[in-house]
């Protein structure tokens, strides 16, 4: 009777060891997969950070360009209008008009007038 109990105990122990070994290998496999996923996600995060930095840098450069355009808009508009006027006058001269005696700018008040 004791021998049968011993053999049953040894068989149960062997089955438990086999189940534990299988469980350990499954858990190690799951751990390896999780670590691989962590590594991929870490790489993805790092590349996303680099891309974000490049995007922020590009946005900053665009912001500087826009500030420049807004700051000098009036001067550029005045220069463009002046160029258009000059081109229209040149076209008129080529068409036969005479602008020799035409005053294009006012130089202030006459002498003595207040």
PDB file of N, CA and C in Angstrom:
ATOM      1  N   UNK A   1       0.825  -1.193   0.000  1.00  0.00           N
ATOM      2  CA  UNK A   1       0.000   0.000   0.000  1.00  0.00           C
ATOM      3  C   UNK A   1       0.865   1.251   0.000  1.00  0.00           C
ATOM      4  N   UNK A   2       1.893   1.279   0.808  1.00  0.00           N
ATOM      5  CA  UNK A   2       2.791   2.425   0.870  1.00  0.00           C
ATOM      6  C   UNK A   2       3.531   2.588  -0.451  1.00  0.00           C
ATOM      7  N   UNK A   3       3.878   1.465  -1.052  1.00  0.00           N
ATOM      8  CA  UNK A   3       4.577   1.502  -2.337  1.00  0.00           C
ATOM      9  C   UNK A   3       3.677   2.116  -3.414  1.00  0.00           C
ATOM     10  N   UNK A   4       2.414   1.791  -3.424  1.00  0.00           N
ATOM     11  CA  UNK A   4       1.462   2.332  -4.407  1.00  0.00           C
ATOM     12  C   UNK A   4       1.274   3.830  -4.191  1.00  0.00           C
ATOM     13  N   UNK A   5       1.186   4.222  -2.908  1.00  0.00           N
ATOM     14  CA  UNK A   5       1.061   5.655  -2.607  1.00  0.00           C
ATOM     15  C   UNK A   5       2.302   6.414  -3.067  1.00  0.00           C
ATOM     16  N   UNK A   6       3.471   5.796  -2.833  1.00  0.00           N
ATOM     17  CA  UNK A   6       4.736   6.424  -3.252  1.00  0.00           C
ATOM     18  C   UNK A   6       4.785   6.577  -4.766  1.00  0.00           C
ATOM     19  N   UNK A   7       4.404   5.540  -5.486  1.00  0.00           N
ATOM     20  CA  UNK A   7       4.425   5.595  -6.946  1.00  0.00           C
ATOM     21  C   UNK A   7       3.422   6.633  -7.473  1.00  0.00           C
ATOM     22  N   UNK A   8       2.249   6.705  -6.839  1.00  0.00           N
ATOM     23  CA  UNK A   8       1.250   7.712  -7.223  1.00  0.00           C
ATOM     24  C   UNK A   8       1.794   9.113  -6.958  1.00  0.00           C
ATOM     25  N   UNK A   9       2.415   9.306  -5.809  1.00  0.00           N
ATOM     26  CA  UNK A   9       3.013  10.597  -5.462  1.00  0.00           C
ATOM     27  C   UNK A   9       4.096  10.987  -6.456  1.00  0.00           C
ATOM     28  N   UNK A  10       4.939  10.043  -6.840  1.00  0.00           N
ATOM     29  CA  UNK A  10       6.019  10.309  -7.791  1.00  0.00           C
ATOM     30  C   UNK A  10       5.445  10.634  -9.178  1.00  0.00           C
ATOM     31  N   UNK A  11       4.384   9.923  -9.564  1.00  0.00           N
ATOM     32  CA  UNK A  11       3.753  10.183 -10.855  1.00  0.00           C
ATOM     33  C   UNK A  11       3.092  11.570 -10.856  1.00  0.00           C
ATOM     34  N   UNK A  12       2.425  11.913  -9.775  1.00  0.00           N
ATOM     35  CA  UNK A  12       1.796  13.242  -9.655  1.00  0.00           C
ATOM     36  C   UNK A  12       2.858  14.337  -9.674  1.00  0.00           C
ATOM     37  N   UNK A  13       3.970  14.082  -8.992  1.00  0.00           N
ATOM     38  CA  UNK A  13       5.072  15.053  -8.955  1.00  0.00           C
ATOM     39  C   UNK A  13       5.666  15.243 -10.347  1.00  0.00           C
ATOM     40  N   UNK A  14       5.828  14.136 -11.077  1.00  0.00           N
ATOM     41  CA  UNK A  14       6.378  14.222 -12.432  1.00  0.00           C
ATOM     42  C   UNK A  14       5.429  14.994 -13.342  1.00  0.00           C
ATOM     43  N   UNK A  15       4.122  14.750 -13.213  1.00  0.00           N
ATOM     44  CA  UNK A  15       3.147  15.495 -14.015  1.00  0.00           C
ATOM     45  C   UNK A  15       3.165  16.979 -13.659  1.00  0.00           C
ATOM     46  N   UNK A  16       3.276  17.281 -12.352  1.00  0.00           N
ATOM     47  CA  UNK A  16       3.322  18.682 -11.911  1.00  0.00           C
ATOM     48  C   UNK A  16       4.582  19.363 -12.435  1.00  0.00           C
ATOM     49  N   UNK A  17       5.738  18.658 -12.376  1.00  0.00           N
ATOM     50  CA  UNK A  17       6.983  19.231 -12.913  1.00  0.00           C
ATOM     51  C   UNK A  17       6.846  19.495 -14.402  1.00  0.00           C
ATOM     52  N   UNK A  18       6.242  18.583 -15.143  1.00  0.00           N
ATOM     53  CA  UNK A  18       6.051  18.762 -16.584  1.00  0.00           C
ATOM     54  C   UNK A  18       5.135  19.955 -16.863  1.00  0.00           C
ATOM     55  N   UNK A  19       4.064  20.075 -16.073  1.00  0.00           N
ATOM     56  CA  UNK A  19       3.139  21.208 -16.240  1.00  0.00           C
ATOM     57  C   UNK A  19       3.837  22.512 -15.883  1.00  0.00           C
ATOM     58  N   UNK A  20       4.634  22.496 -14.812  1.00  0.00           N
ATOM     59  CA  UNK A  20       5.365  23.703 -14.405  1.00  0.00           C
ATOM     60  C   UNK A  20       6.397  24.098 -15.460  1.00  0.00           C
ATOM     61  N   UNK A  21       7.088  23.102 -16.010  1.00  0.00           N
ATOM     62  CA  UNK A  21       8.085  23.367 -17.052  1.00  0.00           C
ATOM     63  C   UNK A  21       7.414  23.963 -18.281  1.00  0.00           C
ATOM     64  N   UNK A  22       6.259  23.392 -18.650  1.00  0.00           N
ATOM     65  CA  UNK A  22       5.519  23.919 -19.790  1.00  0.00           C
ATOM     66  C   UNK A  22       5.050  25.348 -19.505  1.00  0.00           C
ATOM     67  N   UNK A  23       4.562  25.587 -18.302  1.00  0.00           N
ATOM     68  CA  UNK A  23       4.097  26.921 -17.910  1.00  0.00           C
ATOM     69  C   UNK A  23       5.242  27.928 -17.951  1.00  0.00           C
ATOM     70  N   UNK A  24       6.408  27.509 -17.468  1.00  0.00           N
ATOM     71  CA  UNK A  24       7.579  28.397 -17.473  1.00  0.00           C
ATOM     72  C   UNK A  24       7.979  28.730 -18.898  1.00  0.00           C
ATOM     73  N   UNK A  25       8.007  27.730 -19.774  1.00  0.00           N
ATOM     74  CA  UNK A  25       8.401  27.999 -21.165  1.00  0.00           C
ATOM     75  C   UNK A  25       7.376  28.903 -21.852  1.00  0.00           C
ATOM     76  N   UNK A  26       6.078  28.714 -21.571  1.00  0.00           N
ATOM     77  CA  UNK A  26       5.054  29.595 -22.140  1.00  0.00           C
ATOM     78  C   UNK A  26       5.222  31.030 -21.631  1.00  0.00           C
ATOM     79  N   UNK A  27       5.490  31.150 -20.342  1.00  0.00           N
ATOM     80  CA  UNK A  27       5.673  32.496 -19.761  1.00  0.00           C
ATOM     81  C   UNK A  27       6.938  33.157 -20.299  1.00  0.00           C
ATOM     82  N   UNK A  28       8.006  32.373 -20.485  1.00  0.00           N
ATOM     83  CA  UNK A  28       9.230  32.939 -21.060  1.00  0.00           C
ATOM     84  C   UNK A  28       8.996  33.382 -22.496  1.00  0.00           C
ATOM     85  N   UNK A  29       8.222  32.606 -23.248  1.00  0.00           N
ATOM     86  CA  UNK A  29       7.888  32.970 -24.622  1.00  0.00           C
ATOM     87  C   UNK A  29       7.064  34.259 -24.642  1.00  0.00           C
ATOM     88  N   UNK A  30       6.086  34.345 -23.759  1.00  0.00           N
ATOM     89  CA  UNK A  30       5.263  35.552 -23.673  1.00  0.00           C
ATOM     90  C   UNK A  30       6.107  36.758 -23.268  1.00  0.00           C
ATOM     91  N   UNK A  31       7.044  36.539 -22.353  1.00  0.00           N
ATOM     92  CA  UNK A  31       7.927  37.615 -21.910  1.00  0.00           C
ATOM     93  C   UNK A  31       8.799  38.094 -23.070  1.00  0.00           C
ATOM     94  N   UNK A  32       9.324  37.150 -23.851  1.00  0.00           N
ATOM     95  CA  UNK A  32      10.164  37.527 -24.996  1.00  0.00           C
ATOM     96  C   UNK A  32       9.353  38.316 -26.021  1.00  0.00           C
ATOM     97  N   UNK A  33       8.124  37.894 -26.280  1.00  0.00           N
ATOM     98  CA  UNK A  33       7.269  38.632 -27.211  1.00  0.00           C
ATOM     99  C   UNK A  33       6.975  40.040 -26.691  1.00  0.00           C
ATOM    100  N   UNK A  34       6.711  40.140 -25.411  1.00  0.00           N
ATOM    101  CA  UNK A  34       6.419  41.440 -24.800  1.00  0.00           C
ATOM    102  C   UNK A  34       7.642  42.351 -24.860  1.00  0.00           C
ATOM    103  N   UNK A  35       8.818  41.783 -24.588  1.00  0.00           N
ATOM    104  CA  UNK A  35      10.043  42.585 -24.668  1.00  0.00           C
ATOM    105  C   UNK A  35      10.296  43.039 -26.105  1.00  0.00           C
ATOM    106  N   UNK A  36      10.027  42.162 -27.072  1.00  0.00           N
ATOM    107  CA  UNK A  36      10.169  42.551 -28.484  1.00  0.00           C
ATOM    108  C   UNK A  36       9.208  43.682 -28.850  1.00  0.00           C
ATOM    109  N   UNK A  37       7.969  43.561 -28.383  1.00  0.00           N
ATOM    110  CA  UNK A  37       6.984  44.621 -28.637  1.00  0.00           C
ATOM    111  C   UNK A  37       7.416  45.919 -27.971  1.00  0.00           C
ATOM    112  N   UNK A  38       7.949  45.827 -26.765  1.00  0.00           N
ATOM    113  CA  UNK A  38       8.439  47.017 -26.063  1.00  0.00           C
ATOM    114  C   UNK A  38       9.557  47.675 -26.858  1.00  0.00           C
ATOM    115  N   UNK A  39      10.471  46.888 -27.369  1.00  0.00           N
ATOM    116  CA  UNK A  39      11.592  47.418 -28.168  1.00  0.00           C
ATOM    117  C   UNK A  39      11.071  48.118 -29.424  1.00  0.00           C
ATOM    118  N   UNK A  40      10.109  47.489 -30.102  1.00  0.00           N
ATOM    119  CA  UNK A  40       9.535  48.112 -31.307  1.00  0.00           C
ATOM    120  C   UNK A  40       8.834  49.424 -30.965  1.00  0.00           C
ATOM    121  N   UNK A  41       8.068  49.401 -29.878  1.00  0.00           N
ATOM    122  CA  UNK A  41       7.356  50.620 -29.481  1.00  0.00           C
ATOM    123  C   UNK A  41       8.332  51.722 -29.052  1.00  0.00           C
ATOM    124  N   UNK A  42       9.409  51.326 -28.405  1.00  0.00           N
ATOM    125  CA  UNK A  42      10.421  52.307 -28.014  1.00  0.00           C
ATOM    126  C   UNK A  42      11.068  52.925 -29.249  1.00  0.00           C
ATOM    127  N   UNK A  43      11.390  52.093 -30.236  1.00  0.00           N
ATOM    128  CA  UNK A  43      11.959  52.610 -31.487  1.00  0.00           C
ATOM    129  C   UNK A  43      10.969  53.517 -32.203  1.00  0.00           C
ATOM    130  N   UNK A  44       9.699  53.105 -32.235  1.00  0.00           N
ATOM    131  CA  UNK A  44       8.664  53.933 -32.869  1.00  0.00           C
ATOM    132  C   UNK A  44       8.530  55.277 -32.156  1.00  0.00           C
ATOM    133  N   UNK A  45       8.565  55.250 -30.827  1.00  0.00           N
ATOM    134  CA  UNK A  45       8.466  56.482 -30.048  1.00  0.00           C
ATOM    135  C   UNK A  45       9.654  57.400 -30.339  1.00  0.00           C
ATOM    136  N   UNK A  46      10.851  56.822 -30.382  1.00  0.00           N
ATOM    137  CA  UNK A  46      12.040  57.627 -30.651  1.00  0.00           C
ATOM    138  C   UNK A  46      11.992  58.246 -32.043  1.00  0.00           C
ATOM    139  N   UNK A  47      11.557  57.481 -33.034  1.00  0.00           N
ATOM    140  CA  UNK A  47      11.472  58.040 -34.382  1.00  0.00           C
ATOM    141  C   UNK A  47      10.367  59.094 -34.447  1.00  0.00           C
ATOM    142  N   UNK A  48       9.277  58.894 -33.714  1.00  0.00           N
ATOM    143  CA  UNK A  48       8.204  59.890 -33.684  1.00  0.00           C
ATOM    144  C   UNK A  48       8.699  61.181 -33.026  1.00  0.00           C
ATOM    145  N   UNK A  49       9.529  61.047 -31.987  1.00  0.00           N
ATOM    146  CA  UNK A  49      10.094  62.241 -31.335  1.00  0.00           C
ATOM    147  C   UNK A  49      10.996  63.002 -32.304  1.00  0.00           C
ATOM    148  N   UNK A  50      11.813  62.277 -33.068  1.00  0.00           N
ATOM    149  CA  UNK A  50      12.689  62.928 -34.041  1.00  0.00           C
ATOM    150  C   UNK A  50      11.864  63.632 -35.106  1.00  0.00           C
ATOM    151  N   UNK A  51      10.829  62.955 -35.581  1.00  0.00           N
ATOM    152  CA  UNK A  51       9.964  63.548 -36.607  1.00  0.00           C
ATOM    153  C   UNK A  51       9.244  64.784 -36.051  1.00  0.00           C
ATOM    154  N   UNK A  52       8.793  64.694 -34.802  1.00  0.00           N
ATOM    155  CA  UNK A  52       8.143  65.838 -34.169  1.00  0.00           C
ATOM    156  C   UNK A  52       9.110  67.005 -34.054  1.00  0.00           C
ATOM    157  N   UNK A  53      10.348  66.733 -33.672  1.00  0.00           N
ATOM    158  CA  UNK A  53      11.350  67.801 -33.577  1.00  0.00           C
ATOM    159  C   UNK A  53      11.586  68.456 -34.920  1.00  0.00           C
ATOM    160  N   UNK A  54      11.688  67.645 -35.981  1.00  0.00           N
ATOM    161  CA  UNK A  54      11.878  68.203 -37.319  1.00  0.00           C
ATOM    162  C   UNK A  54      10.664  69.021 -37.743  1.00  0.00           C
ATOM    163  N   UNK A  55       9.471  68.542 -37.432  1.00  0.00           N
ATOM    164  CA  UNK A  55       8.250  69.271 -37.784  1.00  0.00           C
ATOM    165  C   UNK A  55       8.187  70.598 -37.036  1.00  0.00           C
ATOM    166  N   UNK A  56       8.506  70.577 -35.750  1.00  0.00           N
ATOM    167  CA  UNK A  56       8.490  71.820 -34.965  1.00  0.00           C
ATOM    168  C   UNK A  56       9.522  72.807 -35.486  1.00  0.00           C
ATOM    169  N   UNK A  57      10.669  72.314 -35.898  1.00  0.00           N
ATOM    170  CA  UNK A  57      11.701  73.172 -36.466  1.00  0.00           C
ATOM    171  C   UNK A  57      11.216  73.801 -37.768  1.00  0.00           C
ATOM    172  N   UNK A  58      10.567  72.999 -38.605  1.00  0.00           N
ATOM    173  CA  UNK A  58      10.033  73.500 -39.873  1.00  0.00           C
ATOM    174  C   UNK A  58       8.942  74.539 -39.625  1.00  0.00           C
ATOM    175  N   UNK A  59       8.062  74.277 -38.666  1.00  0.00           N
ATOM    176  CA  UNK A  59       7.005  75.238 -38.330  1.00  0.00           C
ATOM    177  C   UNK A  59       7.620  76.536 -37.830  1.00  0.00           C
ATOM    178  N   UNK A  60       8.666  76.431 -37.034  1.00  0.00           N
ATOM    179  CA  UNK A  60       9.342  77.625 -36.530  1.00  0.00           C
ATOM    180  C   UNK A  60       9.931  78.441 -37.674  1.00  0.00           C
ATOM    181  N   UNK A  61      10.546  77.771 -38.652  1.00  0.00           N
ATOM    182  CA  UNK A  61      11.109  78.496 -39.791  1.00  0.00           C
ATOM    183  C   UNK A  61      10.005  79.143 -40.614  1.00  0.00           C
ATOM    184  N   UNK A  62       8.879  78.451 -40.789  1.00  0.00           N
ATOM    185  CA  UNK A  62       7.751  79.040 -41.508  1.00  0.00           C
ATOM    186  C   UNK A  62       7.207  80.258 -40.764  1.00  0.00           C
ATOM    187  N   UNK A  63       7.162  80.163 -39.448  1.00  0.00           N
ATOM    188  CA  UNK A  63       6.670  81.279 -38.642  1.00  0.00           C
ATOM    189  C   UNK A  63       7.572  82.502 -38.827  1.00  0.00           C
ATOM    190  N   UNK A  64       8.881  82.277 -38.859  1.00  0.00           N
ATOM    191  CA  UNK A  64       9.810  83.378 -39.089  1.00  0.00           C
ATOM    192  C   UNK A  64       9.613  84.006 -40.455  1.00  0.00           C
ATOM    193  N   UNK A  65       9.407  83.168 -41.477  1.00  0.00           N
ATOM    194  CA  UNK A  65       9.167  83.695 -42.821  1.00  0.00           C
ATOM    195  C   UNK A  65       7.875  84.495 -42.869  1.00  0.00           C
ATOM    196  N   UNK A  66       6.839  84.003 -42.229  1.00  0.00           N
ATOM    197  CA  UNK A  66       5.555  84.715 -42.218  1.00  0.00           C
ATOM    198  C   UNK A  66       5.680  86.042 -41.488  1.00  0.00           C
ATOM    199  N   UNK A  67       6.415  86.056 -40.368  1.00  0.00           N
ATOM    200  CA  UNK A  67       6.626  87.309 -39.649  1.00  0.00           C
ATOM    201  C   UNK A  67       7.321  88.324 -40.541  1.00  0.00           C
ATOM    202  N   UNK A  68       8.324  87.861 -41.305  1.00  0.00           N
ATOM    203  CA  UNK A  68       9.042  88.758 -42.208  1.00  0.00           C
ATOM    204  C   UNK A  68       8.093  89.323 -43.256  1.00  0.00           C
ATOM    205  N   UNK A  69       7.268  88.455 -43.842  1.00  0.00           N
ATOM    206  CA  UNK A  69       6.333  88.889 -44.885  1.00  0.00           C
ATOM    207  C   UNK A  69       5.341  89.898 -44.316  1.00  0.00           C
ATOM    208  N   UNK A  70       4.806  89.624 -43.126  1.00  0.00           N
ATOM    209  CA  UNK A  70       3.853  90.549 -42.520  1.00  0.00           C
ATOM    210  C   UNK A  70       4.508  91.867 -42.144  1.00  0.00           C
ATOM    211  N   UNK A  71       5.744  91.805 -41.667  1.00  0.00           N
ATOM    212  CA  UNK A  71       6.435  93.016 -41.215  1.00  0.00           C
ATOM    213  C   UNK A  71       6.697  93.970 -42.374  1.00  0.00           C
ATOM    214  N   UNK A  72       7.046  93.441 -43.535  1.00  0.00           N
ATOM    215  CA  UNK A  72       7.417  94.296 -44.661  1.00  0.00           C
ATOM    216  C   UNK A  72       6.353  94.333 -45.749  1.00  0.00           C
ATOM    217  N   UNK A  73       5.119  93.988 -45.410  1.00  0.00           N
ATOM    218  CA  UNK A  73       4.045  93.970 -46.395  1.00  0.00           C
ATOM    219  C   UNK A  73       3.786  95.363 -46.961  1.00  0.00           C
ATOM    220  N   UNK A  74       3.696  96.370 -46.108  1.00  0.00           N
ATOM    221  CA  UNK A  74       3.385  97.727 -46.569  1.00  0.00           C
ATOM    222  C   UNK A  74       4.475  98.240 -47.508  1.00  0.00           C
ATOM    223  N   UNK A  75       5.732  98.026 -47.155  1.00  0.00           N
ATOM    224  CA  UNK A  75       6.837  98.504 -47.995  1.00  0.00           C
ATOM    225  C   UNK A  75       6.829  97.778 -49.342  1.00  0.00           C
ATOM    226  N   UNK A  76       6.574  96.481 -49.324  1.00  0.00           N
ATOM    227  CA  UNK A  76       6.532  95.725 -50.576  1.00  0.00           C
ATOM    228  C   UNK A  76       5.350  96.153 -51.436  1.00  0.00           C
ATOM    229  N   UNK A  77       4.206  96.451 -50.794  1.00  0.00           N
ATOM    230  CA  UNK A  77       3.027  96.890 -51.533  1.00  0.00           C
ATOM    231  C   UNK A  77       3.289  98.247 -52.178  1.00  0.00           C
ATOM    232  N   UNK A  78       3.913  99.148 -51.436  1.00  0.00           N
ATOM    233  CA  UNK A  78       4.230 100.476 -51.978  1.00  0.00           C
ATOM    234  C   UNK A  78       5.207 100.356 -53.153  1.00  0.00           C
ATOM    235  N   UNK A  79       6.203  99.517 -53.024  1.00  0.00           N
ATOM    236  CA  UNK A  79       7.170  99.334 -54.105  1.00  0.00           C
ATOM    237  C   UNK A  79       6.492  98.729 -55.332  1.00  0.00           C
ATOM    238  N   UNK A  80       5.605  97.780 -55.108  1.00  0.00           N
ATOM    239  CA  UNK A  80       4.880  97.152 -56.216  1.00  0.00           C
ATOM    240  C   UNK A  80       3.979  98.173 -56.918  1.00  0.00           C
ATOM    241  N   UNK A  81       3.252  98.987 -56.134  1.00  0.00           N
ATOM    242  CA  UNK A  81       2.386 100.018 -56.719  1.00  0.00           C
ATOM    243  C   UNK A  81       3.205 101.033 -57.512  1.00  0.00           C
ATOM    244  N   UNK A  82       4.366 101.403 -56.973  1.00  0.00           N
ATOM    245  CA  UNK A  82       5.245 102.350 -57.665  1.00  0.00           C
ATOM    246  C   UNK A  82       5.738 101.745 -58.979  1.00  0.00           C
ATOM    247  N   UNK A  83       6.079 100.487 -58.960  1.00  0.00           N
ATOM    248  CA  UNK A  83       6.553  99.827 -60.174  1.00  0.00           C
ATOM    249  C   UNK A  83       5.437  99.747 -61.223  1.00  0.00           C
ATOM    250  N   UNK A  84       4.222  99.457 -60.790  1.00  0.00           N
ATOM    251  CA  UNK A  84       3.090  99.406 -61.713  1.00  0.00           C
ATOM    252  C   UNK A  84       2.861 100.784 -62.328  1.00  0.00           C
ATOM    253  N   UNK A  85       2.922 101.842 -61.510  1.00  0.00           N
ATOM    254  CA  UNK A  85       2.767 103.205 -62.026  1.00  0.00           C
ATOM    255  C   UNK A  85       3.857 103.523 -63.041  1.00  0.00           C
ATOM    256  N   UNK A  86       5.084 103.159 -62.727  1.00  0.00           N
ATOM    257  CA  UNK A  86       6.198 103.413 -63.643  1.00  0.00           C
ATOM    258  C   UNK A  86       6.002 102.671 -64.957  1.00  0.00           C
ATOM    259  N   UNK A  87       5.545 101.434 -64.881  1.00  0.00           N
ATOM    260  CA  UNK A  87       5.301 100.666 -66.097  1.00  0.00           C
ATOM    261  C   UNK A  87       4.166 101.272 -66.922  1.00  0.00           C
ATOM    262  N   UNK A  88       3.124 101.755 -66.251  1.00  0.00           N
ATOM    263  CA  UNK A  88       2.027 102.405 -66.966  1.00  0.00           C
ATOM    264  C   UNK A  88       2.500 103.687 -67.648  1.00  0.00           C
ATOM    265  N   UNK A  89       3.348 104.464 -66.972  1.00  0.00           N
ATOM    266  CA  UNK A  89       3.892 105.682 -67.568  1.00  0.00           C
ATOM    267  C   UNK A  89       4.787 105.347 -68.760  1.00  0.00           C
ATOM    268  N   UNK A  90       5.597 104.314 -68.610  1.00  0.00           N
ATOM    269  CA  UNK A  90       6.473 103.908 -69.706  1.00  0.00           C
ATOM    270  C   UNK A  90       5.644 103.452 -70.895  1.00  0.00           C
ATOM    271  N   UNK A  91       4.581 102.748 -70.631  1.00  0.00           N
ATOM    272  CA  UNK A  91       3.694 102.293 -71.705  1.00  0.00           C
ATOM    273  C   UNK A  91       3.056 103.492 -72.401  1.00  0.00           C
ATOM    274  N   UNK A  92       2.628 104.477 -71.609  1.00  0.00           N
ATOM    275  CA  UNK A  92       2.014 105.678 -72.176  1.00  0.00           C
ATOM    276  C   UNK A  92       3.029 106.450 -73.005  1.00  0.00           C
ATOM    277  N   UNK A  93       4.280 106.541 -72.532  1.00  0.00           N
ATOM    278  CA  UNK A  93       5.324 107.259 -73.277  1.00  0.00           C
ATOM    279  C   UNK A  93       5.571 106.556 -74.599  1.00  0.00           C
ATOM    280  N   UNK A  94       5.620 105.235 -74.542  1.00  0.00           N
ATOM    281  CA  UNK A  94       5.834 104.489 -75.777  1.00  0.00           C
ATOM    282  C   UNK A  94       4.641 104.628 -76.731  1.00  0.00           C
ATOM    283  N   UNK A  95       3.465 104.904 -76.168  1.00  0.00           N
ATOM    284  CA  UNK A  95       2.274 105.099 -76.995  1.00  0.00           C
ATOM    285  C   UNK A  95       2.181 106.526 -77.524  1.00  0.00           C
ATOM    286  N   UNK A  96       3.032 107.428 -77.070  1.00  0.00           N
ATOM    287  CA  UNK A  96       3.067 108.779 -77.593  1.00  0.00           C
ATOM    288  C   UNK A  96       2.725 109.857 -76.596  1.00  0.00           C
ATOM    289  N   UNK A  97       2.402 109.551 -75.369  1.00  0.00           N
ATOM    290  CA  UNK A  97       2.082 110.586 -74.390  1.00  0.00           C
ATOM    291  C   UNK A  97       3.367 111.280 -73.946  1.00  0.00           C
ATOM    292  N   UNK A  98       3.252 112.524 -73.463  1.00  0.00           N
ATOM    293  CA  UNK A  98       4.400 113.294 -73.034  1.00  0.00           C
ATOM    294  C   UNK A  98       4.252 113.600 -71.549  1.00  0.00           C
ATOM    295  N   UNK A  99       5.133 113.042 -70.744  1.00  0.00           N
ATOM    296  CA  UNK A  99       5.104 113.267 -69.301  1.00  0.00           C
ATOM    297  C   UNK A  99       6.229 114.199 -68.870  1.00  0.00           C
ATOM    298  N   UNK A 100       6.833 114.911 -69.770  1.00  0.00           N
ATOM    299  CA  UNK A 100       7.987 115.744 -69.441  1.00  0.00           C
ATOM    300  C   UNK A 100       7.619 116.870 -68.484  1.00  0.00           C
ATOM    301  N   UNK A 101       6.434 117.457 -68.650  1.00  0.00           N
ATOM    302  CA  UNK A 101       6.065 118.596 -67.815  1.00  0.00           C
ATOM    303  C   UNK A 101       5.125 118.211 -66.679  1.00  0.00           C
ATOM    304  N   UNK A 102       4.841 116.950 -66.528  1.00  0.00           N
ATOM    305  CA  UNK A 102       3.899 116.490 -65.515  1.00  0.00           C
ATOM    306  C   UNK A 102       4.630 116.290 -64.195  1.00  0.00           C
ATOM    307  N   UNK A 103       4.070 116.913 -63.130  1.00  0.00           N
ATOM    308  CA  UNK A 103       4.662 116.749 -61.802  1.00  0.00           C
ATOM    309  C   UNK A 103       4.101 115.473 -61.189  1.00  0.00           C
ATOM    310  N   UNK A 104       5.001 114.567 -60.802  1.00  0.00           N
ATOM    311  CA  UNK A 104       4.548 113.279 -60.264  1.00  0.00           C
ATOM    312  C   UNK A 104       4.477 113.291 -58.748  1.00  0.00           C
ATOM    313  N   UNK A 105       5.220 114.170 -58.105  1.00  0.00           N
ATOM    314  CA  UNK A 105       5.196 114.218 -56.639  1.00  0.00           C
ATOM    315  C   UNK A 105       5.085 115.663 -56.179  1.00  0.00           C
ATOM    316  N   UNK A 106       4.425 115.818 -55.063  1.00  0.00           N
ATOM    317  CA  UNK A 106       4.326 117.140 -54.444  1.00  0.00           C
ATOM    318  C   UNK A 106       5.501 117.318 -53.507  1.00  0.00           C
ATOM    319  N   UNK A 107       6.192 118.426 -53.618  1.00  0.00           N
ATOM    320  CA  UNK A 107       7.377 118.658 -52.787  1.00  0.00           C
ATOM    321  C   UNK A 107       7.073 119.555 -51.616  1.00  0.00           C
ATOM    322  N   UNK A 108       5.849 119.730 -51.248  1.00  0.00           N
ATOM    323  CA  UNK A 108       5.521 120.547 -50.105  1.00  0.00           C
ATOM    324  C   UNK A 108       4.860 121.837 -50.541  1.00  0.00           C
ATOM    325  N   UNK A 109       4.722 122.752 -49.628  1.00  0.00           N
ATOM    326  CA  UNK A 109       4.045 124.040 -49.902  1.00  0.00           C
ATOM    327  C   UNK A 109       4.967 124.965 -50.678  1.00  0.00           C
ATOM    328  N   UNK A 110       4.349 125.935 -51.330  1.00  0.00           N
ATOM    329  CA  UNK A 110       5.130 126.952 -52.052  1.00  0.00           C
ATOM    330  C   UNK A 110       5.865 127.824 -51.065  1.00  0.00           C
ATOM    331  N   UNK A 111       6.895 128.492 -51.573  1.00  0.00           N
ATOM    332  CA  UNK A 111       7.649 129.381 -50.702  1.00  0.00           C
ATOM    333  C   UNK A 111       6.762 130.507 -50.206  1.00  0.00           C
ATOM    334  N   UNK A 112       6.801 130.738 -48.942  1.00  0.00           N
ATOM    335  CA  UNK A 112       6.067 131.836 -48.370  1.00  0.00           C
ATOM    336  C   UNK A 112       4.622 131.480 -48.039  1.00  0.00           C
ATOM    337  N   UNK A 113       4.070 130.432 -48.588  1.00  0.00           N
ATOM    338  CA  UNK A 113       2.680 130.061 -48.282  1.00  0.00           C
ATOM    339  C   UNK A 113       2.628 129.257 -47.009  1.00  0.00           C
ATOM    340  N   UNK A 114       1.661 129.580 -46.197  1.00  0.00           N
ATOM    341  CA  UNK A 114       1.571 128.855 -44.930  1.00  0.00           C
ATOM    342  C   UNK A 114       0.228 128.314 -44.733  1.00  0.00           C
TER     343      UNK A 114
END
